[in-house]
Amino acid sequence: MSFFISPAYAQEAGSMDSGMFNMLFLVGFALIFYFFLWRPQAKRAKEHKALIGGLSKGDEVITAGGIIGKVVRLTDDYLVLEVSNGVELKFQKAHVAAELPKGTIKDI
C-alpha cells in the first residue's frame, strides 16, 4: 500500500467530444497565431518597404544602428548618408529605420 500514489482507474472510451475539442483547439491556436504574430509582422514589413521605396535625395533618416544623416545619393540597394559636413557613409536601404521630419539634424 502506497500513501503517496493514488490508484489509477480506467476511463470510458473517448467520444466525439474529445475529437471536436482537439479540432477547436487547433483552429483557435491558428487564429491566435495569425492575429497576434503573422498579421502585425506582415503589416510592419509592408510599411518598411513603403518607407524604403519612398526615399529620395535630401531626406533625413535614422538607421537601425542609430546613425542620423541626410540622403545624398541613392542606388537600387544602397544609399549614401551625409552624417556631418564632408563625412559620407554608405548603407544598405534595408537598414533605414525611420524617416525624420525636415530640419531634425539642424535642431540636434
N, C-alpha and C. Protein backbone atom coordinates (compact mmCIF):
# COMPACT_ATOMS: atom_id res chain seq x y z
N MET A 1 0.81 -1.17 0.00
CA MET A 1 0.00 0.00 0.00
C MET A 1 0.88 1.25 0.00
N SER A 2 0.59 2.11 -0.94
CA SER A 2 1.36 3.34 -1.03
C SER A 2 0.44 4.52 -0.70
N PHE A 3 0.88 5.38 0.15
CA PHE A 3 0.08 6.53 0.55
C PHE A 3 0.30 7.74 -0.36
N PHE A 4 1.36 7.72 -1.18
CA PHE A 4 1.71 8.87 -2.00
C PHE A 4 1.20 8.78 -3.43
N ILE A 5 0.94 7.59 -3.90
CA ILE A 5 0.49 7.41 -5.28
C ILE A 5 -0.97 7.02 -5.27
N SER A 6 -1.79 7.81 -5.96
CA SER A 6 -3.21 7.49 -5.98
C SER A 6 -3.45 6.39 -7.02
N PRO A 7 -4.44 5.55 -6.79
CA PRO A 7 -4.71 4.47 -7.74
C PRO A 7 -5.29 5.03 -9.04
N ALA A 8 -4.97 4.37 -10.14
CA ALA A 8 -5.47 4.78 -11.46
C ALA A 8 -6.68 3.90 -11.81
N TYR A 9 -7.70 4.54 -12.34
CA TYR A 9 -8.90 3.83 -12.74
C TYR A 9 -9.09 3.99 -14.24
N ALA A 10 -9.67 3.02 -14.86
CA ALA A 10 -9.92 3.07 -16.30
C ALA A 10 -11.00 4.10 -16.60
N GLN A 11 -10.85 4.78 -17.73
CA GLN A 11 -11.84 5.75 -18.14
C GLN A 11 -12.71 5.15 -19.22
N GLU A 12 -13.80 5.85 -19.47
CA GLU A 12 -14.66 5.42 -20.55
C GLU A 12 -13.95 5.66 -21.88
N ALA A 13 -14.40 4.96 -22.90
CA ALA A 13 -13.83 5.15 -24.22
C ALA A 13 -14.10 6.57 -24.69
N GLY A 14 -13.15 7.16 -25.46
CA GLY A 14 -13.28 8.54 -25.94
C GLY A 14 -14.52 8.70 -26.80
N SER A 15 -15.10 9.85 -26.74
CA SER A 15 -16.28 10.13 -27.54
C SER A 15 -15.94 11.16 -28.60
N MET A 16 -16.91 11.58 -29.37
CA MET A 16 -16.72 12.58 -30.42
C MET A 16 -16.36 13.94 -29.84
N ASP A 17 -16.71 14.17 -28.58
CA ASP A 17 -16.43 15.46 -27.97
C ASP A 17 -14.94 15.74 -27.88
N SER A 18 -14.13 14.74 -27.57
CA SER A 18 -12.69 14.97 -27.47
C SER A 18 -12.09 15.29 -28.84
N GLY A 19 -12.56 14.66 -29.89
CA GLY A 19 -12.08 14.97 -31.24
C GLY A 19 -12.47 16.38 -31.65
N MET A 20 -13.68 16.78 -31.32
CA MET A 20 -14.14 18.13 -31.64
C MET A 20 -13.36 19.17 -30.83
N PHE A 21 -13.08 18.85 -29.58
CA PHE A 21 -12.29 19.76 -28.75
C PHE A 21 -10.90 19.96 -29.33
N ASN A 22 -10.27 18.87 -29.77
CA ASN A 22 -8.95 18.99 -30.37
C ASN A 22 -8.98 19.83 -31.64
N MET A 23 -10.00 19.67 -32.45
CA MET A 23 -10.12 20.45 -33.68
C MET A 23 -10.31 21.93 -33.35
N LEU A 24 -11.18 22.24 -32.40
CA LEU A 24 -11.39 23.63 -32.00
C LEU A 24 -10.12 24.23 -31.39
N PHE A 25 -9.40 23.43 -30.65
CA PHE A 25 -8.14 23.89 -30.08
C PHE A 25 -7.14 24.26 -31.18
N LEU A 26 -7.01 23.44 -32.19
CA LEU A 26 -6.09 23.72 -33.30
C LEU A 26 -6.53 24.95 -34.09
N VAL A 27 -7.82 25.07 -34.34
CA VAL A 27 -8.33 26.24 -35.07
C VAL A 27 -8.10 27.51 -34.25
N GLY A 28 -8.37 27.44 -32.96
CA GLY A 28 -8.14 28.59 -32.08
C GLY A 28 -6.67 28.98 -32.04
N PHE A 29 -5.80 27.99 -31.99
CA PHE A 29 -4.36 28.26 -31.99
C PHE A 29 -3.94 28.91 -33.30
N ALA A 30 -4.47 28.44 -34.41
CA ALA A 30 -4.14 29.03 -35.72
C ALA A 30 -4.63 30.48 -35.80
N LEU A 31 -5.81 30.77 -35.28
CA LEU A 31 -6.32 32.14 -35.28
C LEU A 31 -5.46 33.06 -34.41
N ILE A 32 -5.07 32.58 -33.26
CA ILE A 32 -4.20 33.37 -32.38
C ILE A 32 -2.87 33.64 -33.07
N PHE A 33 -2.31 32.62 -33.69
CA PHE A 33 -1.04 32.78 -34.40
C PHE A 33 -1.18 33.81 -35.51
N TYR A 34 -2.28 33.77 -36.25
CA TYR A 34 -2.48 34.70 -37.36
C TYR A 34 -2.62 36.14 -36.86
N PHE A 35 -3.51 36.37 -35.90
CA PHE A 35 -3.81 37.73 -35.47
C PHE A 35 -2.74 38.37 -34.59
N PHE A 36 -2.00 37.58 -33.84
CA PHE A 36 -1.01 38.16 -32.94
C PHE A 36 0.42 38.10 -33.45
N LEU A 37 0.72 37.24 -34.40
CA LEU A 37 2.09 37.11 -34.87
C LEU A 37 2.25 37.46 -36.34
N TRP A 38 1.57 36.76 -37.21
CA TRP A 38 1.81 36.90 -38.64
C TRP A 38 1.29 38.22 -39.19
N ARG A 39 0.08 38.58 -38.87
CA ARG A 39 -0.53 39.78 -39.44
C ARG A 39 0.20 41.07 -39.04
N PRO A 40 0.55 41.30 -37.77
CA PRO A 40 1.30 42.51 -37.43
C PRO A 40 2.69 42.55 -38.07
N GLN A 41 3.35 41.40 -38.17
CA GLN A 41 4.67 41.37 -38.79
C GLN A 41 4.57 41.70 -40.27
N ALA A 42 3.56 41.19 -40.95
CA ALA A 42 3.38 41.50 -42.37
C ALA A 42 3.07 42.98 -42.56
N LYS A 43 2.31 43.56 -41.65
CA LYS A 43 1.98 44.98 -41.73
C LYS A 43 3.23 45.84 -41.56
N ARG A 44 4.10 45.49 -40.59
CA ARG A 44 5.34 46.22 -40.39
C ARG A 44 6.26 46.09 -41.60
N ALA A 45 6.34 44.91 -42.18
CA ALA A 45 7.18 44.70 -43.36
C ALA A 45 6.68 45.53 -44.53
N LYS A 46 5.37 45.61 -44.70
CA LYS A 46 4.79 46.41 -45.78
C LYS A 46 5.09 47.90 -45.58
N GLU A 47 4.96 48.39 -44.35
CA GLU A 47 5.27 49.79 -44.06
C GLU A 47 6.74 50.10 -44.29
N HIS A 48 7.63 49.17 -43.91
CA HIS A 48 9.07 49.38 -44.11
C HIS A 48 9.42 49.40 -45.59
N LYS A 49 8.78 48.53 -46.36
CA LYS A 49 9.02 48.50 -47.80
C LYS A 49 8.56 49.81 -48.44
N ALA A 50 7.44 50.36 -47.99
CA ALA A 50 6.96 51.65 -48.50
C ALA A 50 7.91 52.78 -48.10
N LEU A 51 8.45 52.72 -46.89
CA LEU A 51 9.42 53.71 -46.44
C LEU A 51 10.67 53.69 -47.31
N ILE A 52 11.20 52.53 -47.58
CA ILE A 52 12.41 52.41 -48.40
C ILE A 52 12.13 52.84 -49.83
N GLY A 53 10.98 52.49 -50.35
CA GLY A 53 10.63 52.87 -51.71
C GLY A 53 10.41 54.35 -51.88
N GLY A 54 10.05 55.05 -50.81
CA GLY A 54 9.75 56.46 -50.89
C GLY A 54 10.92 57.38 -50.57
N LEU A 55 12.10 56.81 -50.33
CA LEU A 55 13.26 57.64 -50.01
C LEU A 55 13.70 58.44 -51.22
N SER A 56 14.13 59.66 -50.97
CA SER A 56 14.66 60.49 -52.06
C SER A 56 15.81 61.33 -51.53
N LYS A 57 16.53 61.94 -52.43
CA LYS A 57 17.68 62.77 -52.07
C LYS A 57 17.20 63.94 -51.20
N GLY A 58 17.93 64.19 -50.11
CA GLY A 58 17.59 65.27 -49.21
C GLY A 58 16.78 64.84 -47.99
N ASP A 59 16.27 63.62 -47.97
CA ASP A 59 15.53 63.13 -46.81
C ASP A 59 16.47 62.92 -45.63
N GLU A 60 15.96 63.18 -44.46
CA GLU A 60 16.72 62.92 -43.23
C GLU A 60 16.20 61.62 -42.62
N VAL A 61 17.12 60.69 -42.34
CA VAL A 61 16.73 59.37 -41.87
C VAL A 61 17.58 58.97 -40.67
N ILE A 62 17.10 57.95 -39.98
CA ILE A 62 17.87 57.31 -38.91
C ILE A 62 18.00 55.84 -39.26
N THR A 63 19.18 55.28 -39.08
CA THR A 63 19.42 53.88 -39.41
C THR A 63 19.09 52.99 -38.23
N ALA A 64 19.11 51.69 -38.46
CA ALA A 64 18.84 50.73 -37.38
C ALA A 64 19.91 50.82 -36.30
N GLY A 65 21.10 51.28 -36.65
CA GLY A 65 22.17 51.43 -35.68
C GLY A 65 22.13 52.76 -34.94
N GLY A 66 21.19 53.64 -35.29
CA GLY A 66 21.03 54.91 -34.60
C GLY A 66 21.78 56.07 -35.23
N ILE A 67 22.31 55.89 -36.43
CA ILE A 67 23.03 56.97 -37.10
C ILE A 67 22.04 57.84 -37.86
N ILE A 68 22.12 59.14 -37.63
CA ILE A 68 21.23 60.10 -38.27
C ILE A 68 22.00 60.79 -39.39
N GLY A 69 21.37 60.90 -40.55
CA GLY A 69 22.03 61.56 -41.66
C GLY A 69 21.06 61.99 -42.73
N LYS A 70 21.59 62.73 -43.70
CA LYS A 70 20.82 63.23 -44.83
C LYS A 70 21.20 62.41 -46.05
N VAL A 71 20.20 61.96 -46.81
CA VAL A 71 20.44 61.15 -48.00
C VAL A 71 21.08 62.02 -49.08
N VAL A 72 22.27 61.58 -49.58
CA VAL A 72 22.98 62.31 -50.61
C VAL A 72 22.81 61.64 -51.97
N ARG A 73 22.97 60.31 -51.99
CA ARG A 73 22.82 59.55 -53.24
C ARG A 73 22.05 58.26 -52.96
N LEU A 74 21.35 57.80 -53.99
CA LEU A 74 20.57 56.56 -53.89
C LEU A 74 20.90 55.66 -55.08
N THR A 75 20.98 54.37 -54.82
CA THR A 75 21.01 53.36 -55.89
C THR A 75 19.89 52.38 -55.58
N ASP A 76 19.86 51.26 -56.30
CA ASP A 76 18.79 50.29 -56.08
C ASP A 76 18.82 49.69 -54.68
N ASP A 77 20.01 49.34 -54.20
CA ASP A 77 20.12 48.66 -52.90
C ASP A 77 20.81 49.48 -51.83
N TYR A 78 21.52 50.54 -52.21
CA TYR A 78 22.33 51.29 -51.26
C TYR A 78 21.97 52.77 -51.27
N LEU A 79 22.35 53.44 -50.19
CA LEU A 79 22.21 54.89 -50.12
C LEU A 79 23.43 55.44 -49.41
N VAL A 80 23.73 56.70 -49.68
CA VAL A 80 24.86 57.38 -49.05
C VAL A 80 24.28 58.47 -48.16
N LEU A 81 24.67 58.45 -46.89
CA LEU A 81 24.21 59.43 -45.92
C LEU A 81 25.33 60.39 -45.58
N GLU A 82 25.00 61.67 -45.52
CA GLU A 82 25.95 62.66 -45.03
C GLU A 82 25.64 62.84 -43.55
N VAL A 83 26.56 62.37 -42.70
CA VAL A 83 26.33 62.42 -41.26
C VAL A 83 26.93 63.66 -40.62
N SER A 84 27.85 64.30 -41.31
CA SER A 84 28.46 65.55 -40.88
C SER A 84 28.96 66.25 -42.12
N ASN A 85 29.43 67.47 -42.00
CA ASN A 85 29.94 68.19 -43.17
C ASN A 85 31.12 67.44 -43.78
N GLY A 86 30.95 66.94 -45.00
CA GLY A 86 32.01 66.23 -45.70
C GLY A 86 32.18 64.78 -45.30
N VAL A 87 31.40 64.25 -44.38
CA VAL A 87 31.51 62.85 -43.95
C VAL A 87 30.31 62.09 -44.50
N GLU A 88 30.60 61.13 -45.39
CA GLU A 88 29.54 60.34 -46.01
C GLU A 88 29.73 58.87 -45.69
N LEU A 89 28.66 58.19 -45.40
CA LEU A 89 28.67 56.76 -45.10
C LEU A 89 27.71 56.04 -46.02
N LYS A 90 28.09 54.84 -46.45
CA LYS A 90 27.23 54.03 -47.32
C LYS A 90 26.49 53.01 -46.47
N PHE A 91 25.19 52.84 -46.77
CA PHE A 91 24.34 51.90 -46.06
C PHE A 91 23.47 51.14 -47.05
N GLN A 92 23.04 49.95 -46.65
CA GLN A 92 22.00 49.26 -47.40
C GLN A 92 20.68 49.94 -47.06
N LYS A 93 19.80 50.01 -48.03
CA LYS A 93 18.50 50.66 -47.79
C LYS A 93 17.71 49.95 -46.70
N ALA A 94 17.89 48.65 -46.57
CA ALA A 94 17.12 47.88 -45.59
C ALA A 94 17.43 48.31 -44.16
N HIS A 95 18.56 48.99 -43.94
CA HIS A 95 18.94 49.39 -42.59
C HIS A 95 18.38 50.74 -42.18
N VAL A 96 17.61 51.36 -43.03
CA VAL A 96 16.94 52.61 -42.66
C VAL A 96 15.76 52.26 -41.77
N ALA A 97 15.75 52.83 -40.56
CA ALA A 97 14.69 52.51 -39.60
C ALA A 97 13.50 53.46 -39.71
N ALA A 98 13.77 54.75 -39.94
CA ALA A 98 12.68 55.72 -39.98
C ALA A 98 13.14 56.97 -40.72
N GLU A 99 12.15 57.67 -41.26
CA GLU A 99 12.41 58.96 -41.89
C GLU A 99 12.07 60.04 -40.87
N LEU A 100 12.95 61.01 -40.75
CA LEU A 100 12.77 62.07 -39.78
C LEU A 100 12.17 63.31 -40.44
N PRO A 101 11.49 64.14 -39.66
CA PRO A 101 10.97 65.40 -40.22
C PRO A 101 12.11 66.29 -40.68
N LYS A 102 11.84 67.12 -41.70
CA LYS A 102 12.86 68.03 -42.21
C LYS A 102 13.32 68.98 -41.10
N GLY A 103 14.62 69.23 -41.06
CA GLY A 103 15.18 70.14 -40.07
C GLY A 103 15.57 69.49 -38.76
N THR A 104 15.42 68.18 -38.65
CA THR A 104 15.76 67.50 -37.40
C THR A 104 17.26 67.56 -37.12
N ILE A 105 18.06 67.41 -38.16
CA ILE A 105 19.51 67.41 -37.97
C ILE A 105 19.99 68.78 -37.48
N LYS A 106 19.41 69.84 -37.99
CA LYS A 106 19.80 71.18 -37.56
C LYS A 106 19.46 71.41 -36.09
N ASP A 107 18.36 70.84 -35.62
CA ASP A 107 17.92 71.04 -34.24
C ASP A 107 18.75 70.28 -33.22
N ILE A 108 19.48 69.27 -33.70
CA ILE A 108 20.25 68.42 -32.75
C ILE A 108 21.53 69.09 -32.35
